[in-house]
Amino acid sequence: MRVIVALGGNALLRRGQSMDAHTQMGNVRGVVKTLADLARKHELIITHGNGPQVGMLALESASDPSLDRPYPFDTLGAQTQGMIGYWMLQALQNALPGRQVLAMVTQTLVSAVDPAFDDPTKFVGQVYEREKAEKLAAEYGWTVKPDGPHWRRVVPSPAPQRVVETRLIRRMVREGVVVICAGGGGIPVVRDEQGRLAGVEAVIDKDLTASMLAEALDCDAFLILTDVPRVMRDFGTPRQSEIAHTTPYELRAMSFPAGSMGPKVDAVCRFVETTGDMAAIGRLDQAERILGGDAGTIVTPNARWPLTSTL
């Protein structure tokens, strides 16, 4: 089975933890056992979040007196792809001796006229109390919005159109390589009037990029692995309950928070609607059980897994 995994940012940095490299590398080593187990049984593509890391680098860049201007977000995305990709690459190589593993810095094409550039919504960086967030916004020209009980910086999040290096990724997967790619949704790029690629100031939703890439690579399953066991129906109310097996039709009739579960639900629905295959949201340490059908929220055209004919 060909499986693509989208790791939530909490797999690399849990709320309240230090941002130092030693802590983050330790977290990566902790998640690699599950990824290695998947790679032994399946063709595996791994994508990952980078929100905390890219936000930290953006703050450092904005406050560095030696710079005439801060590093742009496309460059910061490339930096975090390389950094996190290196940590995951090395940990997987140590866990899978003799298996080829590749970490790629990849670009994701977006539209230069995407309306998201006029309405920043993507959370990046650390959480702050409102007063601190507004002070930083005034100092650095940020846009900040509430994220639950806290406040965070937001940047444009245009819709992904294609991972530029898709053909190369497909070739590597066919040769049995475990590929780490599209970190943080990929480096956002547009085509200029001459058709050349150029980076833009944005952060792409990693789950939407992973969903699009899963379709392009003919994946059999798309897993969003985070720290929640299942999607919750009527979350935060006395009626809340776990959703085990469902369909895109049922999920789209429900309401989910735009800043957290909403994009994940949209991503899995898009994949299942387009391909007719399986997608799921669940906990990282339950990945094998999710593929077995007894953990996570599993989304298929007919709410059954393994799939049965819908004809």
Protein backbone atom coordinates (compact mmCIF):
# COMPACT_ATOMS: atom_id res chain seq x y z
CA MET A 1 0.00 0.00 0.00
CA ARG A 2 1.23 3.50 -0.81
CA VAL A 3 0.66 5.76 2.19
CA ILE A 4 1.25 9.49 2.67
CA VAL A 5 1.46 10.83 6.22
CA ALA A 6 0.99 14.45 7.27
CA LEU A 7 2.52 15.01 10.70
CA GLY A 8 1.09 17.78 12.83
CA GLY A 9 3.44 20.42 14.18
CA ASN A 10 2.84 19.07 17.67
CA ALA A 11 4.84 15.99 16.70
CA LEU A 12 7.92 18.21 16.62
CA LEU A 13 7.07 20.79 19.28
CA ARG A 14 4.46 20.37 21.99
CA ARG A 15 2.83 23.47 23.42
CA GLY A 16 4.90 24.94 26.23
CA GLN A 17 8.11 23.15 25.26
CA SER A 18 11.42 24.85 24.62
CA MET A 19 12.17 25.76 21.00
CA ASP A 20 15.78 24.60 21.27
CA ALA A 21 17.06 22.14 18.67
CA HIS A 22 17.88 19.45 21.24
CA THR A 23 14.24 19.25 22.39
CA GLN A 24 12.88 19.19 18.84
CA MET A 25 15.36 16.55 17.70
CA GLY A 26 14.36 14.42 20.68
CA ASN A 27 10.72 14.72 19.65
CA VAL A 28 11.58 13.64 16.11
CA ARG A 29 13.37 10.54 17.38
CA GLY A 30 10.27 9.78 19.43
CA VAL A 31 7.95 9.77 16.39
CA VAL A 32 10.29 7.89 14.07
CA LYS A 33 9.52 4.46 15.55
CA THR A 34 5.95 4.66 14.26
CA LEU A 35 7.09 6.00 10.88
CA ALA A 36 9.72 3.26 10.58
CA ASP A 37 7.10 0.60 11.31
CA LEU A 38 4.94 2.02 8.52
CA ALA A 39 7.88 2.16 6.12
CA ARG A 40 8.67 -1.54 6.68
CA LYS A 41 5.21 -2.52 5.45
CA HIS A 42 4.24 0.20 2.98
CA GLU A 43 5.56 2.68 0.43
CA LEU A 44 5.79 5.80 2.56
CA ILE A 45 5.80 9.55 1.88
CA ILE A 46 6.10 11.88 4.88
CA THR A 47 5.07 15.53 5.11
CA HIS A 48 5.22 17.66 8.23
CA GLY A 49 4.25 20.96 9.80
CA ASN A 50 6.64 23.84 10.48
CA GLY A 51 4.45 26.55 12.03
CA PRO A 52 6.32 26.97 15.34
CA GLN A 53 9.72 26.76 13.68
CA VAL A 54 9.03 29.20 10.84
CA GLY A 55 7.44 31.62 13.30
CA MET A 56 10.51 31.48 15.55
CA LEU A 57 12.86 32.15 12.63
CA ALA A 58 10.64 35.00 11.43
CA LEU A 59 10.81 36.67 14.85
CA GLU A 60 14.57 36.23 15.02
CA SER A 61 14.96 37.64 11.53
CA ALA A 62 12.71 40.64 12.23
CA SER A 63 14.66 41.52 15.40
CA ASP A 64 18.17 40.99 13.99
CA PRO A 65 19.87 44.42 13.84
CA SER A 66 22.41 43.18 11.31
CA LEU A 67 19.71 42.69 8.63
CA ASP A 68 18.41 45.53 6.45
CA ARG A 69 15.12 43.61 6.09
CA PRO A 70 13.77 40.33 7.51
CA TYR A 71 14.09 37.09 5.57
CA PRO A 72 10.94 36.47 3.47
CA PHE A 73 8.64 33.57 4.30
CA ASP A 74 9.55 31.50 1.25
CA THR A 75 13.18 31.50 2.42
CA LEU A 76 12.15 30.73 6.01
CA GLY A 77 10.06 27.84 4.68
CA ALA A 78 13.10 26.48 2.87
CA GLN A 79 15.18 26.79 6.03
CA THR A 80 12.68 24.87 8.15
CA GLN A 81 12.19 22.20 5.47
CA GLY A 82 15.92 21.60 5.46
CA MET A 83 16.23 21.65 9.26
CA ILE A 84 13.29 19.35 10.06
CA GLY A 85 13.99 17.18 7.02
CA TYR A 86 17.53 16.61 8.25
CA TRP A 87 16.34 15.56 11.70
CA MET A 88 13.81 13.13 10.25
CA LEU A 89 16.20 11.85 7.58
CA GLN A 90 18.89 10.93 10.06
CA ALA A 91 16.50 9.37 12.56
CA LEU A 92 14.86 7.24 9.85
CA GLN A 93 18.21 6.17 8.41
CA ASN A 94 19.25 4.98 11.87
CA ALA A 95 15.93 3.17 12.34
CA LEU A 96 15.90 1.60 8.85
CA PRO A 97 19.45 0.38 8.12
CA GLY A 98 19.87 -0.43 4.45
CA ARG A 99 16.72 1.46 3.40
CA GLN A 100 17.08 4.55 1.23
CA VAL A 101 15.59 7.72 2.77
CA LEU A 102 15.47 11.11 1.05
CA ALA A 103 14.61 14.54 2.47
CA MET A 104 13.67 17.00 -0.29
CA VAL A 105 13.29 20.77 -0.24
CA THR A 106 10.20 21.22 -2.40
CA GLN A 107 8.22 24.12 -3.86
CA THR A 108 4.44 24.41 -4.04
CA LEU A 109 2.87 26.44 -6.82
CA VAL A 110 0.09 28.89 -5.86
CA SER A 111 -1.84 31.51 -7.79
CA ALA A 112 -0.47 35.04 -7.68
CA VAL A 113 -4.07 36.36 -7.53
CA ASP A 114 -5.29 34.03 -4.78
CA PRO A 115 -7.63 36.10 -2.52
CA ALA A 116 -5.84 34.66 0.54
CA PHE A 117 -3.11 37.26 0.04
CA ASP A 118 -5.65 39.92 1.08
CA ASP A 119 -6.91 38.00 4.14
CA PRO A 120 -4.15 36.37 6.25
CA THR A 121 -5.46 33.36 8.20
CA LYS A 122 -2.56 30.91 8.70
CA PHE A 123 -1.20 30.78 12.25
CA VAL A 124 2.59 30.72 12.58
CA GLY A 125 4.97 30.93 15.48
CA GLN A 126 4.44 30.90 19.20
CA VAL A 127 1.31 31.77 21.16
CA TYR A 128 1.10 35.01 23.13
CA GLU A 129 -1.20 36.81 25.49
CA ARG A 130 -3.19 39.45 23.63
CA GLU A 131 -1.19 42.41 24.97
CA LYS A 132 2.13 40.87 23.93
CA ALA A 133 0.79 39.87 20.51
CA GLU A 134 -0.51 43.36 19.79
CA LYS A 135 2.79 44.89 20.89
CA LEU A 136 4.72 42.63 18.49
CA ALA A 137 2.24 43.39 15.72
CA ALA A 138 2.78 47.11 16.15
CA GLU A 139 6.55 46.69 16.31
CA TYR A 140 7.00 44.40 13.30
CA GLY A 141 3.93 45.13 11.17
CA TRP A 142 2.36 41.72 11.81
CA THR A 143 -1.27 40.71 11.62
CA VAL A 144 -2.36 38.82 14.76
CA LYS A 145 -5.56 36.94 15.54
CA PRO A 146 -6.95 34.88 18.43
CA ASP A 147 -6.05 31.18 18.46
CA GLY A 148 -8.21 29.69 21.18
CA PRO A 149 -7.40 31.44 24.46
CA HIS A 150 -4.14 32.86 23.03
CA TRP A 151 -3.07 35.10 20.15
CA ARG A 152 -0.71 34.31 17.26
CA ARG A 153 0.66 35.85 14.12
CA VAL A 154 -1.21 35.08 10.89
CA VAL A 155 0.08 35.19 7.29
CA PRO A 156 -1.55 34.57 3.88
CA SER A 157 -2.33 30.92 3.11
CA PRO A 158 -3.07 30.52 -0.62
CA ALA A 159 -4.44 27.25 -1.98
CA PRO A 160 -1.80 24.80 -3.27
CA GLN A 161 -1.99 23.98 -6.97
CA ARG A 162 0.89 21.53 -7.46
CA VAL A 163 4.13 20.45 -5.83
CA VAL A 164 6.69 21.44 -8.46
CA GLU A 165 8.86 18.35 -7.82
CA THR A 166 5.98 15.83 -8.01
CA ARG A 167 7.48 13.80 -10.85
CA LEU A 168 10.78 13.40 -9.00
CA ILE A 169 9.00 12.35 -5.80
CA ARG A 170 6.99 9.76 -7.75
CA ARG A 171 10.16 8.33 -9.26
CA MET A 172 11.82 7.99 -5.86
CA VAL A 173 8.78 6.29 -4.32
CA ARG A 174 8.64 3.78 -7.17
CA GLU A 175 12.26 2.89 -6.42
CA GLY A 176 11.42 2.11 -2.80
CA VAL A 177 12.76 5.32 -1.26
CA VAL A 178 11.09 6.76 1.86
CA VAL A 179 10.56 10.40 0.85
CA ILE A 180 10.25 13.36 3.25
CA CYS A 181 8.88 16.34 1.32
CA ALA A 182 6.46 19.28 1.22
CA GLY A 183 7.37 20.31 4.75
CA GLY A 184 5.15 23.11 6.00
CA GLY A 185 3.05 22.76 2.85
CA GLY A 186 6.04 23.48 0.62
CA ILE A 187 7.84 26.69 -0.27
CA PRO A 188 5.17 28.99 -1.79
CA VAL A 189 6.01 30.02 -5.35
CA VAL A 190 4.20 31.65 -8.27
CA ARG A 191 5.02 31.93 -11.97
CA ASP A 192 5.86 35.41 -13.22
CA GLU A 193 4.99 36.91 -16.60
CA GLN A 194 7.87 34.98 -18.20
CA GLY A 195 6.76 31.71 -16.60
CA ARG A 196 9.65 31.69 -14.13
CA LEU A 197 9.20 30.58 -10.54
CA ALA A 198 9.44 33.16 -7.77
CA GLY A 199 8.86 32.86 -4.03
CA VAL A 200 6.05 34.73 -2.28
CA GLU A 201 5.33 35.78 1.32
CA ALA A 202 2.92 33.07 2.50
CA VAL A 203 2.60 29.76 4.35
CA ILE A 204 0.58 27.00 2.69
CA ASP A 205 -1.62 24.66 4.70
CA LYS A 206 0.39 21.45 4.96
CA ASP A 207 -2.67 19.18 5.05
CA LEU A 208 -4.10 20.61 1.81
CA THR A 209 -0.72 20.18 0.12
CA ALA A 210 -0.47 16.62 1.42
CA SER A 211 -3.97 15.86 0.15
CA MET A 212 -3.13 17.20 -3.30
CA LEU A 213 0.19 15.32 -3.35
CA ALA A 214 -1.48 12.09 -2.21
CA GLU A 215 -3.78 12.29 -5.23
CA ALA A 216 -0.94 13.09 -7.64
CA LEU A 217 1.13 10.14 -6.35
CA ASP A 218 -1.78 7.65 -6.54
CA CYS A 219 -1.64 6.95 -2.82
CA ASP A 220 -3.98 4.33 -1.38
CA ALA A 221 -4.26 6.05 1.99
CA PHE A 222 -3.77 9.56 3.35
CA LEU A 223 -3.20 9.88 7.11
CA ILE A 224 -3.19 13.11 9.11
CA LEU A 225 -1.45 12.14 12.35
CA THR A 226 -1.71 14.48 15.31
CA ASP A 227 -2.40 14.31 19.06
CA VAL A 228 -6.16 13.67 18.96
CA PRO A 229 -7.53 10.13 18.73
CA ARG A 230 -10.53 11.02 16.58
CA VAL A 231 -12.52 13.92 15.14
CA MET A 232 -15.28 14.96 17.54
CA ARG A 233 -18.88 15.59 16.56
CA ASP A 234 -20.34 18.67 18.37
CA PHE A 235 -16.97 19.38 19.96
CA GLY A 236 -17.08 21.35 23.19
CA THR A 237 -20.76 20.68 23.84
CA PRO A 238 -22.49 18.15 26.10
CA ARG A 239 -23.37 16.21 22.92
CA GLN A 240 -19.79 15.74 21.72
CA SER A 241 -18.89 12.25 20.54
CA GLU A 242 -16.11 10.56 18.58
CA ILE A 243 -16.50 9.90 14.86
CA ALA A 244 -15.07 6.50 13.91
CA HIS A 245 -16.12 5.77 10.31
CA THR A 246 -17.68 8.43 8.10
CA THR A 247 -17.94 9.89 4.60
CA PRO A 248 -17.04 13.27 3.11
CA TYR A 249 -20.75 13.94 2.68
CA GLU A 250 -21.39 13.50 6.41
CA LEU A 251 -18.33 15.51 7.47
CA ARG A 252 -19.15 18.45 5.21
CA ALA A 253 -22.55 18.72 6.86
CA MET A 254 -20.83 19.40 10.20
CA SER A 255 -18.98 22.46 11.49
CA PHE A 256 -15.33 22.40 12.61
CA PRO A 257 -13.03 25.19 13.88
CA ALA A 258 -11.35 27.00 11.00
CA GLY A 259 -8.05 27.35 12.83
CA SER A 260 -7.59 23.72 13.86
CA MET A 261 -9.72 20.76 12.78
CA GLY A 262 -11.47 22.48 9.87
CA PRO A 263 -8.54 22.39 7.39
CA LYS A 264 -7.77 18.78 8.32
CA VAL A 265 -11.35 17.69 7.66
CA ASP A 266 -11.37 19.60 4.37
CA ALA A 267 -8.10 17.94 3.31
CA VAL A 268 -9.27 14.37 3.95
CA CYS A 269 -12.63 15.05 2.31
CA ARG A 270 -10.97 16.39 -0.83
CA PHE A 271 -8.76 13.32 -1.15
CA VAL A 272 -11.61 10.85 -0.69
CA GLU A 273 -13.98 12.76 -2.96
CA THR A 274 -11.40 12.93 -5.74
CA THR A 275 -9.88 9.44 -5.53
CA GLY A 276 -12.46 7.21 -3.85
CA ASP A 277 -9.70 5.95 -1.54
CA MET A 278 -9.23 6.15 2.24
CA ALA A 279 -8.14 9.05 4.43
CA ALA A 280 -8.02 9.33 8.20
CA ILE A 281 -7.27 11.64 11.12
CA GLY A 282 -5.87 10.18 14.31
CA ARG A 283 -3.01 9.83 16.74
CA LEU A 284 0.50 9.19 15.53
CA ASP A 285 1.05 6.24 17.86
CA GLN A 286 -2.07 4.56 16.47
CA ALA A 287 -1.10 4.73 12.80
CA GLU A 288 -1.06 0.96 12.25
CA ARG A 289 -4.39 0.56 14.02
CA ILE A 290 -5.85 3.31 11.83
CA LEU A 291 -4.82 1.42 8.70
CA GLY A 292 -6.33 -1.68 10.28
CA GLY A 293 -9.64 0.13 10.74
CA ASP A 294 -9.98 0.18 14.52
CA ALA A 295 -8.62 3.63 15.47
CA GLY A 296 -8.87 7.20 14.27
CA THR A 297 -11.59 8.83 12.19
CA ILE A 298 -11.62 6.90 8.92
CA VAL A 299 -13.13 8.59 5.87
CA THR A 300 -14.15 6.58 2.80
CA PRO A 301 -16.86 6.98 0.12
CA ASN A 302 -19.17 4.54 1.94
CA ALA A 303 -17.91 4.74 5.57
CA ARG A 304 -16.37 1.24 5.32
CA TRP A 305 -12.76 0.11 5.60
CA PRO A 306 -11.37 -1.95 4.00
CA LEU A 307 -13.19 -0.50 1.03
CA THR A 308 -16.11 -2.32 -0.53
CA SER A 309 -17.67 -1.50 -3.85
CA THR A 310 -19.98 1.51 -3.99
CA LEU A 311 -21.46 0.39 -7.34
